[in-house]
Each structure stands twice: as C-alpha cells, then as structure tokens.
C-alpha cells in the first residue's frame, strides 16, 4: 500500500488538503514578484551624449542633436565597463526629471551610459542563482526534508532581499542577486511539492495549475506595486516585507509524509495521516496496520532499479525523444524569459505592457486542462502553441509601435505560457518509470540554459533592433515542428522500462492496462516544477 492508496482511504482532496494547498500556493505570489522584479529595479533609462557647445536652456534638444541611435557604439561610455583605458575625458552628466522612475539601479550609481552590460550581468546573476539551486538546495532537501528547506529558503530570501535595498556598490548587488536567485526558486519548488504531495493523483494537475495561477497573480501585482513605488530601494524593502507572512505558516504546514516514509520515519507519517483523516472525518477508515504497510512499500521502492541519464542516451528510441524534449524545454525557457523581460521594448507604458504580459498567463494556464484532454492531445497542443507563438513573435517585428504591436506580442506570450505548462506533463509521460527522474533532470538542466541565454539574446537588440524577436520566433517554430516527431501520450499507458521506448515498440492504450497511482503521480508531479526560472 503506497501513500496514494492511503490518501484514497482517508480522502485525497478533503477540506484539510484544500486549505493547505491554498496556503502554499499563495506563497508563490510574493515569490513571483521577487523573481520578476529585475524588470523594474534594473529599468533602462533614456540617455544621450551631451554636446558641450549647447547652452543649458536647450538641454531638451540634446537627444536630437547628439550621437544618433544608429551610431551609439561610438560613444566612449559604451565601453566604460571594460578595462580599456580611455584617452578622452568624461564630460559632465546633466540630469533631467524622469517620469518613469524615481530611482533605478543605473541612475542610482550614475551609470546611465554604460549600465547595459551591468544590468545584463545582474539578470544573469539571478538566473545563475536559479541554476545553482539545483546543486545546493537538493542536498538540503534530501537531508532535512521539504518543510525545513522551504522555511530556510523563505527566511534567507527575506534577508537577501532586504539587504539588497541598502547595497552601495555593484559587486555586492550582484552577489545578493545571485543569492536571492538560489533561494527564490527553491522556495517555489518546495511550495509546489508540499502542496501536490498532499493531494491524490487525480488532483495533481489542478494543483500544478493553481500554483501557476497564483504566480501569475504575483506577476500582475508587481506591475501595480512598481507603478506606485518608483524608487528601486523602497521597492526592494516592500518585496522583502511581503515575504514575511509566509513565515506564519511555520506552525500550520506539516512535513511531507512521503519524505518521512522515504526516511523510514513512519510514526511521523502516521501522525500526518491521522490528522488528514480527522479533518476529513474519515478516522474510522485508517488501516490498523498502517506502519507495516508503509514499511513494505518503502522496502519495495528502495529495491527498485533506477537508471541514469547515460542509460537514456544508450537507448536508441529514447535518446532521440530525450534530445527533442531537451531542445523544447530550452526553447520554452528562452522565449518565455525573453518575452517577459522584453515588455519595455514594445512601446507604450511599461507598467501596462508588463501587467498585460502577466494577465495573459491566467487564461493560458486555464486553457491547458481542456486542451490536452481534447483530440489534439499533448503533441499537437504543444506543437500548435509553439508555432503560433513563434509566428506572433516574428509578426511583432513588422507591426509599428502601438496597440496592435502589444496585442500580437501578448498572443505570443499566451501561447508560450500555455505550451510551457503542457510540456512538463508531456515530458514526464515520455520517459519510462525507471528513467523518469533522470529524464526530467536532463530537461530541467537544458531549460535553465535557455533562461540564461534569454537576457543575452535581448542584448542583441542594441545592435539590430528586431534580432531578439526574430530569434525567439524562429526558435519556437523549430521547436514546434520537432514536437511532431514525438509520440502521442494521451490515452497511452506510461512506459515502465527502457525496452518500452525502443524503436518499433508501440504503446498500448490506457484501457489495456490500468495505470498505477505511482505512475500517475510521476506524470503530474513535475508540472511546472522547475519553470520559475
């Protein structure tokens, strides 16, 4: 009897689980605001070379009479971040009132001319922090459990975010942004695991979508908060404060019963089961020999032979599927991150564009559930969304700044957000049971490469304005076409061994063999687990 069997007896989605799931999902809202805050904290300011011959009363004309946009590379400040000595003296900096921000990082340290390179490094520091999390916090998770990892991440997140507001030099800011990235994504993943492991297999897709929706709410609230708090230091303090209510969950959230069982701490797991049964009014249904059943299941799981990533590449059919899926995870991360941080270049009001970019994610996530259950299935849904999203990115290049440009860009963001959610379910169903963890790990690692490349590709827009959107669009179209070569998993039984994925082996229909609950758990548990980049 595994833990899903136990949940079916005591209630797999009762009042207790609904309450806890709602609470942990709400923690994704402040986490999202911190994750995306770089869009406003590292905001770009208009700047140009001051012409010394012109008097102060025509300062407003400097941007029209100085170096043109196409020739900005000739400006000495463009290379000031390098170690190359300059023989030209720096001119005085003349400031005018900004109607977009009270203070952002580049303005705070008088780096308007050459902040571009620094800003991209700060974005990369946050993304590298996300990647480092995979190697550091995983060890903590295995050692001390989900509960303590979540609250340690939350506490450190508050400290790092608060300290960032009082940073006085660039390198300290870079370090704190890096550290914030390590705990930010760890906090999100722990919330996801704690929430989904308490509900039954049939409700895990709903749980995954719910945490995506609360993340999107944070997306929207950040635009509102940044609109009213124009100073980046005050915004940092605000972002630290909104994390404080998460600590109120310390006496409320339980440890993961699954983790307790894996560590042979059966008494602790039984206490959680008893609490669930009591809240769901099913205490009379709890098996009397529950500890013995847990012991047998744990021993059976520990004896199961799992395979590594090397074994995946040794299997011909699975190797091609893995490479295809890894490429698509990279593309989805790349385009999603690129479009998220590209809202300021769409023209119009930055805050409105960012708000709309987050708003389209809500219907995108809601669309996923009926879409993957329709005749399109996983394969054609993912392919269609990626191709339409890519075409929308390319069309955005051709449309002049205005309402229509923003509308088409939001269509692209809508499609990529939806495909991003679907591809997590799809990947978990592509890999066999014995290689599912290793396969998801490969895809996750390649996906983080896309997240890191996103800000770098956006930098190409300073050389050729339309190049980033062209790269995003073509990448999404290629990814969508490659998905066509993957097998459809809707209505098919999940593969269990590497042999099931060999060339020439056809997957049977789902009704031919009832899926085990553990297989259903694995296919849904990874939904958007690593997405928050």
Protein backbone atom coordinates (compact mmCIF):
# COMPACT_ATOMS: atom_id res chain seq x y z
CA UNK A 1 0.00 0.00 0.00
CA UNK A 2 1.64 3.24 -1.14
CA UNK A 3 0.80 6.72 0.10
CA UNK A 4 -1.68 7.33 -2.74
CA UNK A 5 -3.63 4.25 -1.60
CA UNK A 6 -3.71 5.72 1.89
CA UNK A 7 -4.95 9.06 0.57
CA UNK A 8 -7.75 7.31 -1.28
CA UNK A 9 -8.89 5.79 2.00
CA UNK A 10 -8.72 8.91 4.20
CA UNK A 11 -9.62 11.41 1.46
CA UNK A 12 -7.42 12.60 -1.38
CA UNK A 13 -8.86 16.11 -1.65
CA UNK A 14 -10.67 16.91 1.55
CA UNK A 15 -11.00 20.21 3.45
CA UNK A 16 -7.59 19.78 5.11
CA UNK A 17 -5.73 19.29 1.82
CA UNK A 18 -7.62 22.12 0.13
CA UNK A 19 -6.70 24.50 2.95
CA UNK A 20 -3.01 23.58 2.92
CA UNK A 21 -2.83 23.62 -0.88
CA UNK A 22 -4.34 27.11 -0.96
CA UNK A 23 -1.90 28.40 1.65
CA UNK A 24 1.24 27.05 -0.02
CA UNK A 25 0.08 28.23 -3.45
CA UNK A 26 -0.39 31.76 -2.10
CA UNK A 27 3.32 31.84 -1.23
CA UNK A 28 4.03 31.77 -4.99
CA UNK A 29 2.62 35.30 -5.31
CA UNK A 30 5.38 37.15 -3.37
CA UNK A 31 7.92 34.74 -4.82
CA UNK A 32 6.86 35.73 -8.34
CA UNK A 33 7.09 39.43 -7.50
CA UNK A 34 10.67 38.98 -6.34
CA UNK A 35 11.61 36.74 -9.26
CA UNK A 36 10.47 39.27 -11.87
CA UNK A 37 11.42 42.46 -10.03
CA UNK A 38 14.52 42.96 -12.20
CA UNK A 39 12.29 44.31 -14.97
CA UNK A 40 11.72 47.48 -12.90
CA UNK A 41 14.66 47.53 -10.49
CA UNK A 42 17.10 47.32 -13.40
CA UNK A 43 14.99 49.55 -15.63
CA UNK A 44 16.57 51.18 -18.66
CA UNK A 45 16.84 54.96 -18.69
CA UNK A 46 16.98 57.18 -21.77
CA UNK A 47 20.37 58.81 -22.12
CA UNK A 48 22.46 60.54 -24.78
CA UNK A 49 25.76 62.34 -25.20
CA UNK A 50 25.70 65.94 -24.08
CA UNK A 51 27.02 68.44 -26.64
CA UNK A 52 29.21 70.93 -24.78
CA UNK A 53 28.60 73.82 -27.17
CA UNK A 54 24.89 73.98 -26.43
CA UNK A 55 23.67 76.06 -23.53
CA UNK A 56 21.58 74.83 -20.63
CA UNK A 57 18.35 76.25 -21.97
CA UNK A 58 18.28 73.75 -24.82
CA UNK A 59 19.02 70.65 -22.77
CA UNK A 60 15.82 69.06 -24.02
CA UNK A 61 17.26 69.07 -27.55
CA UNK A 62 20.44 67.13 -26.72
CA UNK A 63 18.95 63.81 -27.71
CA UNK A 64 18.09 65.18 -31.15
CA UNK A 65 21.45 66.77 -31.92
CA UNK A 66 23.97 64.37 -30.38
CA UNK A 67 25.01 60.87 -31.44
CA UNK A 68 22.21 59.13 -33.29
CA UNK A 69 20.73 55.83 -32.19
CA UNK A 70 22.46 54.00 -35.02
CA UNK A 71 25.87 55.42 -34.08
CA UNK A 72 25.69 54.95 -30.32
CA UNK A 73 28.52 52.42 -30.39
CA UNK A 74 30.91 55.33 -30.99
CA UNK A 75 30.21 56.72 -27.52
CA UNK A 76 33.15 56.22 -25.14
CA UNK A 77 30.76 55.43 -22.27
CA UNK A 78 29.64 52.35 -24.15
CA UNK A 79 32.93 50.68 -23.21
CA UNK A 80 33.40 52.19 -19.79
CA UNK A 81 32.65 48.87 -18.13
CA UNK A 82 35.79 47.39 -19.70
CA UNK A 83 39.37 47.69 -18.51
CA UNK A 84 40.47 49.51 -21.68
CA UNK A 85 41.86 52.93 -20.71
CA UNK A 86 40.30 55.93 -22.43
CA UNK A 87 42.26 58.96 -23.62
CA UNK A 88 39.09 61.07 -23.78
CA UNK A 89 37.96 62.89 -20.69
CA UNK A 90 34.49 62.15 -19.42
CA UNK A 91 32.04 65.03 -19.70
CA UNK A 92 29.74 66.27 -17.01
CA UNK A 93 26.46 64.43 -16.56
CA UNK A 94 23.36 66.58 -16.93
CA UNK A 95 20.19 65.18 -15.37
CA UNK A 96 16.57 65.90 -16.19
CA UNK A 97 13.46 64.71 -14.39
CA UNK A 98 12.38 61.15 -15.21
CA UNK A 99 8.66 60.42 -15.47
CA UNK A 100 9.11 56.64 -15.38
CA UNK A 101 11.11 56.03 -12.18
CA UNK A 102 12.20 57.96 -9.12
CA UNK A 103 15.35 55.83 -8.94
CA UNK A 104 16.57 52.65 -10.60
CA UNK A 105 19.90 50.87 -10.25
CA UNK A 106 21.60 52.54 -13.27
CA UNK A 107 20.53 56.03 -12.18
CA UNK A 108 21.43 55.48 -8.53
CA UNK A 109 25.10 55.00 -9.38
CA UNK A 110 25.24 57.36 -12.38
CA UNK A 111 25.63 54.51 -14.85
CA UNK A 112 23.07 55.57 -17.42
CA UNK A 113 25.57 55.50 -20.28
CA UNK A 114 27.10 52.13 -19.66
CA UNK A 115 24.66 50.31 -17.39
CA UNK A 116 23.54 47.92 -20.14
CA UNK A 117 26.34 45.40 -19.57
CA UNK A 118 25.99 45.62 -15.80
CA UNK A 119 22.23 45.15 -15.97
CA UNK A 120 22.55 42.02 -18.09
CA UNK A 121 25.09 40.61 -15.65
CA UNK A 122 22.66 41.23 -12.81
CA UNK A 123 19.91 39.39 -14.67
CA UNK A 124 22.33 36.53 -15.32
CA UNK A 125 23.31 36.51 -11.65
CA UNK A 126 19.68 35.88 -10.74
CA UNK A 127 19.36 33.14 -13.38
CA UNK A 128 22.67 31.55 -12.35
CA UNK A 129 21.32 31.53 -8.83
CA UNK A 130 18.34 29.52 -10.09
CA UNK A 131 20.71 27.03 -11.70
CA UNK A 132 22.97 26.75 -8.64
CA UNK A 133 19.92 25.90 -6.58
CA UNK A 134 19.71 22.55 -8.34
CA UNK A 135 23.10 21.52 -6.95
CA UNK A 136 22.95 23.03 -3.46
CA UNK A 137 19.37 23.00 -2.18
CA UNK A 138 18.72 19.48 -3.49
CA UNK A 139 21.17 18.16 -0.91
CA UNK A 140 19.40 20.13 1.81
CA UNK A 141 16.02 18.85 0.64
CA UNK A 142 17.14 15.21 0.82
CA UNK A 143 18.80 15.68 4.19
CA UNK A 144 16.35 17.74 6.26
CA UNK A 145 13.11 17.50 4.28
CA UNK A 146 10.74 19.77 2.40
CA UNK A 147 9.38 21.62 5.44
CA UNK A 148 12.68 22.95 6.77
CA UNK A 149 14.06 23.60 3.29
CA UNK A 150 11.01 25.73 2.48
CA UNK A 151 11.23 27.91 5.58
CA UNK A 152 15.03 28.21 5.49
CA UNK A 153 14.69 29.38 1.88
CA UNK A 154 11.96 31.81 2.87
CA UNK A 155 13.97 33.27 5.76
CA UNK A 156 17.11 33.71 3.67
CA UNK A 157 15.03 35.18 0.86
CA UNK A 158 13.76 37.90 3.20
CA UNK A 159 17.27 38.67 4.45
CA UNK A 160 18.88 38.83 1.00
CA UNK A 161 16.06 40.91 -0.48
CA UNK A 162 16.16 43.37 2.41
CA UNK A 163 19.95 43.73 2.29
CA UNK A 164 19.82 44.41 -1.44
CA UNK A 165 17.95 47.66 -0.74
CA UNK A 166 20.97 49.02 1.17
CA UNK A 167 23.65 47.96 -1.31
CA UNK A 168 26.18 50.68 -2.14
CA UNK A 169 28.26 49.05 -4.87
CA UNK A 170 27.69 46.97 -7.95
CA UNK A 171 29.51 43.79 -6.92
CA UNK A 172 27.66 43.50 -3.64
CA UNK A 173 24.40 43.91 -5.56
CA UNK A 174 25.47 41.15 -7.95
CA UNK A 175 26.26 38.79 -5.06
CA UNK A 176 22.95 39.45 -3.33
CA UNK A 177 21.00 38.99 -6.58
CA UNK A 178 22.80 35.68 -7.07
CA UNK A 179 21.98 34.50 -3.53
CA UNK A 180 18.40 35.65 -3.94
CA UNK A 181 18.12 33.55 -7.08
CA UNK A 182 19.25 30.40 -5.24
CA UNK A 183 16.58 30.70 -2.54
CA UNK A 184 13.83 32.18 -4.72
CA UNK A 185 13.32 29.17 -6.96
CA UNK A 186 13.94 26.75 -4.08
CA UNK A 187 11.08 28.33 -2.16
CA UNK A 188 8.76 27.97 -5.15
CA UNK A 189 9.63 24.31 -5.74
CA UNK A 190 9.23 23.39 -2.08
CA UNK A 191 5.79 25.03 -2.01
CA UNK A 192 4.82 23.08 -5.11
CA UNK A 193 6.00 19.76 -3.65
CA UNK A 194 4.39 20.32 -0.26
CA UNK A 195 1.09 21.18 -1.90
CA UNK A 196 0.93 18.44 -4.53
CA UNK A 197 2.13 15.61 -2.29
CA UNK A 198 -0.86 16.06 0.00
CA UNK A 199 -3.50 15.52 -2.72
CA UNK A 200 -4.44 12.48 -4.77
CA UNK A 201 -3.16 11.76 -8.29
CA UNK A 202 -6.37 12.91 -9.98
CA UNK A 203 -5.99 16.39 -8.46
CA UNK A 204 -2.29 16.98 -9.11
CA UNK A 205 -2.76 18.67 -12.46
CA UNK A 206 -5.22 21.03 -10.78
CA UNK A 207 -2.69 21.67 -8.00
CA UNK A 208 0.02 22.43 -10.56
CA UNK A 209 -2.22 24.81 -12.47
CA UNK A 210 -3.32 26.52 -9.24
CA UNK A 211 0.23 27.40 -8.25
CA UNK A 212 0.82 28.70 -11.79
CA UNK A 213 -2.22 30.95 -11.38
CA UNK A 214 -1.05 32.36 -8.05
CA UNK A 215 2.34 33.00 -9.65
CA UNK A 216 0.58 34.95 -12.40
CA UNK A 217 -1.22 37.00 -9.74
CA UNK A 218 2.19 37.98 -8.38
CA UNK A 219 3.14 38.96 -11.91
CA UNK A 220 0.18 41.38 -12.00
CA UNK A 221 0.71 42.75 -8.50
CA UNK A 222 4.35 43.55 -9.26
CA UNK A 223 3.28 45.87 -12.07
CA UNK A 224 0.91 47.67 -9.66
CA UNK A 225 3.48 47.87 -6.86
CA UNK A 226 6.24 49.13 -9.19
CA UNK A 227 3.87 51.77 -10.58
CA UNK A 228 3.37 53.29 -7.13
CA UNK A 229 6.87 52.62 -5.76
CA UNK A 230 9.23 54.21 -8.28
CA UNK A 231 12.41 54.05 -6.16
CA UNK A 232 14.12 50.68 -6.53
CA UNK A 233 15.38 50.65 -2.94
CA UNK A 234 11.91 51.18 -1.48
CA UNK A 235 10.59 48.56 -3.88
CA UNK A 236 13.18 46.08 -2.58
CA UNK A 237 12.10 46.73 1.01
CA UNK A 238 8.47 46.23 0.01
CA UNK A 239 9.32 42.93 -1.71
CA UNK A 240 11.07 41.75 1.45
CA UNK A 241 8.09 42.69 3.63
CA UNK A 242 5.53 40.80 1.55
CA UNK A 243 7.51 37.60 2.16
CA UNK A 244 7.07 37.90 5.94
CA UNK A 245 3.50 36.44 6.03
CA UNK A 246 4.93 33.19 4.62
CA UNK A 247 6.63 32.60 7.97
CA UNK A 248 3.19 32.47 9.61
CA UNK A 249 2.79 29.03 8.04
CA UNK A 250 5.52 27.55 10.28
CA UNK A 251 3.02 26.08 12.82
CA UNK A 252 0.49 25.21 10.10
CA UNK A 253 2.32 23.26 7.39
CA UNK A 254 3.29 19.63 8.08
CA UNK A 255 6.36 17.88 6.76
CA UNK A 256 5.88 15.83 3.61
CA UNK A 257 4.55 12.40 4.59
CA UNK A 258 6.22 10.92 1.53
CA UNK A 259 9.61 12.23 2.62
CA UNK A 260 9.05 10.85 6.13
CA UNK A 261 8.23 7.43 4.68
CA UNK A 262 11.33 7.53 2.46
CA UNK A 263 13.41 8.22 5.59
CA UNK A 264 11.62 5.40 7.49
CA UNK A 265 10.10 7.89 9.92
CA UNK A 266 6.79 6.06 9.87
CA UNK A 267 5.41 7.43 13.14
CA UNK A 268 5.67 10.99 11.87
CA UNK A 269 3.94 9.99 8.62
CA UNK A 270 1.16 8.24 10.55
CA UNK A 271 0.53 11.41 12.59
CA UNK A 272 0.00 13.33 9.37
CA UNK A 273 -2.34 10.64 8.03
CA UNK A 274 -4.32 10.69 11.28
CA UNK A 275 -4.62 14.49 11.07
CA UNK A 276 -5.85 14.30 7.48
CA UNK A 277 -8.36 11.61 8.44
CA UNK A 278 -9.57 13.64 11.44
CA UNK A 279 -10.10 16.81 9.40
CA UNK A 280 -11.80 14.83 6.64
CA UNK A 281 -13.88 12.85 9.19
CA UNK A 282 -12.55 9.50 7.99
CA UNK A 283 -10.64 8.41 11.11
CA UNK A 284 -12.57 5.15 11.25
CA UNK A 285 -11.19 4.14 7.84
CA UNK A 286 -7.48 4.33 8.75
CA UNK A 287 -5.96 0.82 8.49
CA UNK A 288 -4.81 -0.52 11.89
CA UNK A 289 -1.58 -1.97 10.45
CA UNK A 290 -0.59 1.22 8.64
CA UNK A 291 3.03 1.19 9.80
CA UNK A 292 3.55 -2.34 8.45
CA UNK A 293 2.06 -1.34 5.10
CA UNK A 294 4.37 1.69 4.90
CA UNK A 295 7.37 -0.47 5.72
CA UNK A 296 6.60 -2.94 2.93
CA UNK A 297 6.06 -0.20 0.37
CA UNK A 298 9.26 1.61 1.34
CA UNK A 299 11.31 -1.57 1.08
CA UNK A 300 9.82 -2.35 -2.33
CA UNK A 301 10.62 1.17 -3.56
CA UNK A 302 14.19 1.05 -2.30
CA UNK A 303 14.77 -2.24 -4.13
CA UNK A 304 13.51 -0.87 -7.45
CA UNK A 305 16.28 -0.47 -10.02
CA UNK A 306 16.55 3.06 -11.42
CA UNK A 307 18.64 4.11 -14.39
CA UNK A 308 20.84 7.13 -15.05
CA UNK A 309 20.94 9.75 -17.77
CA UNK A 310 23.64 7.72 -19.54
CA UNK A 311 21.22 4.82 -19.91
CA UNK A 312 18.71 7.16 -21.58
CA UNK A 313 21.22 8.03 -24.31
CA UNK A 314 22.14 4.38 -24.75
CA UNK A 315 18.55 3.55 -25.74
CA UNK A 316 18.13 4.48 -29.45
CA UNK A 317 14.46 5.49 -29.49
CA UNK A 318 14.52 7.18 -26.11
CA UNK A 319 17.72 9.03 -26.97
CA UNK A 320 16.04 10.91 -29.82
CA UNK A 321 12.98 11.66 -27.70
CA UNK A 322 15.17 12.98 -24.88
CA UNK A 323 17.16 15.29 -27.19
CA UNK A 324 13.94 16.55 -28.75
CA UNK A 325 12.36 17.22 -25.37
CA UNK A 326 15.54 18.88 -24.02
CA UNK A 327 15.58 21.23 -27.00
CA UNK A 328 11.93 22.14 -26.50
CA UNK A 329 12.44 22.84 -22.78
CA UNK A 330 15.36 25.11 -23.72
CA UNK A 331 13.22 26.92 -26.30
CA UNK A 332 10.28 27.37 -23.95
CA UNK A 333 12.52 28.82 -21.24
CA UNK A 334 14.33 31.01 -23.74
CA UNK A 335 11.23 32.51 -25.31
CA UNK A 336 9.31 32.85 -22.04
CA UNK A 337 12.14 34.69 -20.29
CA UNK A 338 12.86 36.77 -23.38
CA UNK A 339 9.26 37.93 -23.80
CA UNK A 340 8.91 38.61 -20.06
CA UNK A 341 11.90 40.94 -19.95
CA UNK A 342 11.16 42.46 -23.35
CA UNK A 343 7.90 44.20 -22.41
CA UNK A 344 9.60 47.61 -22.12
CA UNK A 345 10.60 47.43 -25.80
CA UNK A 346 7.03 47.03 -27.05
CA UNK A 347 6.39 50.76 -26.78
CA UNK A 348 3.67 52.42 -24.76
CA UNK A 349 3.51 52.32 -20.99
CA UNK A 350 5.97 49.85 -19.43
CA UNK A 351 3.69 49.09 -16.49
CA UNK A 352 0.65 48.41 -18.66
CA UNK A 353 2.65 46.17 -21.01
CA UNK A 354 4.07 44.18 -18.09
CA UNK A 355 0.62 43.88 -16.49
CA UNK A 356 -0.87 42.57 -19.74
CA UNK A 357 2.04 40.15 -20.11
CA UNK A 358 1.13 38.62 -16.76
CA UNK A 359 -2.61 38.80 -17.37
CA UNK A 360 -2.48 36.60 -20.48
CA UNK A 361 -0.89 33.80 -18.44
CA UNK A 362 -4.08 33.21 -16.46
CA UNK A 363 -6.26 32.13 -19.43
CA UNK A 364 -3.22 30.34 -20.89
CA UNK A 365 -2.96 28.06 -17.86
CA UNK A 366 -6.72 27.53 -17.70
CA UNK A 367 -6.70 26.52 -21.37
CA UNK A 368 -4.16 23.75 -20.77
CA UNK A 369 -6.51 21.37 -18.96
CA UNK A 370 -9.20 21.04 -21.67
CA UNK A 371 -6.65 21.35 -24.48
CA UNK A 372 -4.52 18.33 -23.56
CA UNK A 373 -7.65 16.30 -22.98
CA UNK A 374 -9.04 17.13 -26.43
CA UNK A 375 -8.38 15.38 -29.74
CA UNK A 376 -5.17 17.44 -30.06
CA UNK A 377 -3.58 15.63 -27.14
CA UNK A 378 -0.16 16.54 -25.77
CA UNK A 379 1.79 16.51 -29.02
CA UNK A 380 -0.38 18.61 -31.28
CA UNK A 381 -1.31 21.03 -28.50
CA UNK A 382 2.35 21.74 -27.75
CA UNK A 383 3.29 21.94 -31.44
CA UNK A 384 0.42 24.25 -32.33
CA UNK A 385 1.04 26.63 -29.41
CA UNK A 386 4.79 26.88 -30.06
CA UNK A 387 4.36 27.54 -33.79
CA UNK A 388 1.64 30.17 -33.25
CA UNK A 389 3.75 31.78 -30.51
CA UNK A 390 6.77 31.88 -32.83
CA UNK A 391 4.80 33.38 -35.69
CA UNK A 392 3.41 36.02 -33.32
CA UNK A 393 6.95 36.98 -32.25
CA UNK A 394 8.02 37.46 -35.87
CA UNK A 395 4.86 39.39 -36.73
CA UNK A 396 5.57 41.74 -33.83
CA UNK A 397 8.69 42.90 -35.67
CA UNK A 398 6.65 44.04 -38.67
CA UNK A 399 4.00 45.97 -36.73
CA UNK A 400 4.65 49.59 -35.74
CA UNK A 401 4.59 50.55 -32.07
CA UNK A 402 1.06 50.78 -30.75
CA UNK A 403 -1.91 48.74 -29.60
CA UNK A 404 -1.63 46.14 -32.35
CA UNK A 405 2.05 45.50 -31.67
CA UNK A 406 1.31 44.89 -27.99
CA UNK A 407 -1.68 42.69 -28.86
CA UNK A 408 0.30 40.42 -31.18
CA UNK A 409 3.14 40.22 -28.65
CA UNK A 410 0.65 39.14 -25.97
CA UNK A 411 -0.64 36.40 -28.28
CA UNK A 412 2.92 35.10 -28.45
CA UNK A 413 3.26 35.26 -24.66
CA UNK A 414 -0.11 33.49 -24.26
CA UNK A 415 0.93 30.60 -26.49
CA UNK A 416 4.38 30.15 -24.93
CA UNK A 417 2.93 30.21 -21.41
CA UNK A 418 0.42 27.51 -22.33
CA UNK A 419 2.97 25.32 -24.12
CA UNK A 420 5.32 25.76 -21.17
CA UNK A 421 2.75 24.25 -18.80
CA UNK A 422 1.83 21.38 -21.13
CA UNK A 423 5.39 20.34 -21.90
CA UNK A 424 6.06 19.44 -18.25
CA UNK A 425 3.26 16.89 -18.28
CA UNK A 426 4.32 15.70 -21.72
CA UNK A 427 7.96 15.16 -20.72
CA UNK A 428 7.00 13.18 -17.62
CA UNK A 429 4.91 10.84 -19.78
CA UNK A 430 7.58 10.40 -22.47
CA UNK A 431 10.19 8.91 -20.14
CA UNK A 432 9.73 5.41 -18.66
CA UNK A 433 9.17 4.95 -14.96
CA UNK A 434 12.71 3.75 -14.27
CA UNK A 435 14.22 6.80 -16.03
CA UNK A 436 11.64 9.49 -15.29
CA UNK A 437 13.65 11.34 -12.65
CA UNK A 438 16.82 11.25 -14.76
CA UNK A 439 14.93 12.39 -17.86
CA UNK A 440 13.23 15.28 -16.12
CA UNK A 441 16.60 16.27 -14.67
CA UNK A 442 18.13 16.43 -18.17
CA UNK A 443 15.26 18.56 -19.46
CA UNK A 444 15.39 20.85 -16.44
CA UNK A 445 19.11 21.46 -16.85
CA UNK A 446 18.77 22.25 -20.54
CA UNK A 447 15.83 24.51 -19.76
CA UNK A 448 17.92 26.60 -17.40
CA UNK A 449 20.39 27.15 -20.24
CA UNK A 450 17.54 28.79 -22.14
CA UNK A 451 16.76 31.01 -19.16
CA UNK A 452 20.36 32.21 -19.06
CA UNK A 453 20.50 32.84 -22.81
CA UNK A 454 17.32 34.93 -22.77
CA UNK A 455 18.84 38.18 -21.37
CA UNK A 456 21.91 37.77 -23.60
CA UNK A 457 19.81 37.49 -26.74
CA UNK A 458 17.85 40.58 -25.70
CA UNK A 459 21.17 42.46 -25.68
CA UNK A 460 21.47 41.84 -29.42
CA UNK A 461 18.61 44.29 -29.84
CA UNK A 462 21.08 47.11 -29.19
CA UNK A 463 22.86 46.16 -32.41
CA UNK A 464 19.91 45.01 -34.56
CA UNK A 465 16.61 46.01 -33.01
CA UNK A 466 14.46 43.18 -34.40
CA UNK A 467 17.01 40.37 -33.90
CA UNK A 468 15.85 39.11 -30.44
CA UNK A 469 12.23 38.67 -31.52
CA UNK A 470 13.38 37.02 -34.74
CA UNK A 471 15.48 34.51 -32.78
CA UNK A 472 12.64 33.85 -30.32
CA UNK A 473 10.15 33.38 -33.14
CA UNK A 474 12.27 31.07 -35.26
CA UNK A 475 13.31 29.02 -32.22
CA UNK A 476 9.68 28.49 -31.17
CA UNK A 477 8.67 27.48 -34.72
CA UNK A 478 11.53 24.97 -34.98
CA UNK A 479 10.65 23.58 -31.55
CA UNK A 480 7.00 23.22 -32.53
CA UNK A 481 7.93 21.34 -35.71
CA UNK A 482 10.24 18.98 -33.81
CA UNK A 483 7.46 18.11 -31.35
CA UNK A 484 5.64 16.43 -34.25
CA UNK A 485 8.26 13.66 -34.19
CA UNK A 486 7.47 12.76 -30.57
CA UNK A 487 4.91 10.04 -29.76
CA UNK A 488 1.46 10.98 -28.50
CA UNK A 489 0.98 10.03 -24.84
CA UNK A 490 -2.70 10.88 -24.43
CA UNK A 491 -4.65 7.66 -23.84
CA UNK A 492 -1.47 5.57 -23.84
CA UNK A 493 -0.08 3.65 -20.93
CA UNK A 494 3.08 5.07 -19.47
CA UNK A 495 6.27 3.17 -20.36
CA UNK A 496 7.83 1.35 -17.45
CA UNK A 497 11.18 0.10 -18.78
CA UNK A 498 13.77 1.25 -21.31
CA UNK A 499 12.66 -1.57 -23.59
CA UNK A 500 9.21 0.01 -23.82
CA UNK A 501 10.82 3.00 -25.54
CA UNK A 502 12.84 1.05 -28.08
CA UNK A 503 12.20 1.64 -31.82
CA UNK A 504 9.29 -0.41 -33.15
CA UNK A 505 7.60 -0.82 -29.76
CA UNK A 506 4.13 0.68 -29.84
CA UNK A 507 2.47 1.98 -26.72
CA UNK A 508 -0.77 0.31 -25.80
CA UNK A 509 -3.98 2.12 -24.99
CA UNK A 510 -4.59 3.27 -21.46
CA UNK A 511 -7.57 0.96 -21.11
CA UNK A 512 -5.35 -2.04 -21.91
CA UNK A 513 -3.56 -1.67 -18.60
CA UNK A 514 -4.69 0.47 -15.70
CA UNK A 515 -2.00 2.95 -14.70
CA UNK A 516 -0.69 2.61 -11.20
CA UNK A 517 -1.12 5.56 -8.88
CA UNK A 518 2.63 5.98 -8.59
CA UNK A 519 2.84 6.34 -12.38
CA UNK A 520 0.08 8.92 -12.36
CA UNK A 521 1.88 10.73 -9.56
CA UNK A 522 5.13 10.88 -11.53
CA UNK A 523 3.41 12.08 -14.69
CA UNK A 524 1.85 15.09 -12.98
CA UNK A 525 4.21 15.93 -10.12
CA UNK A 526 6.71 17.71 -12.34
CA UNK A 527 4.11 20.08 -13.87
CA UNK A 528 5.85 23.41 -13.95
CA UNK A 529 8.11 22.34 -11.06
CA UNK A 530 11.27 23.95 -12.40
CA UNK A 531 9.70 26.62 -14.55
CA UNK A 532 10.32 29.66 -12.34
CA UNK A 533 13.44 30.09 -13.93
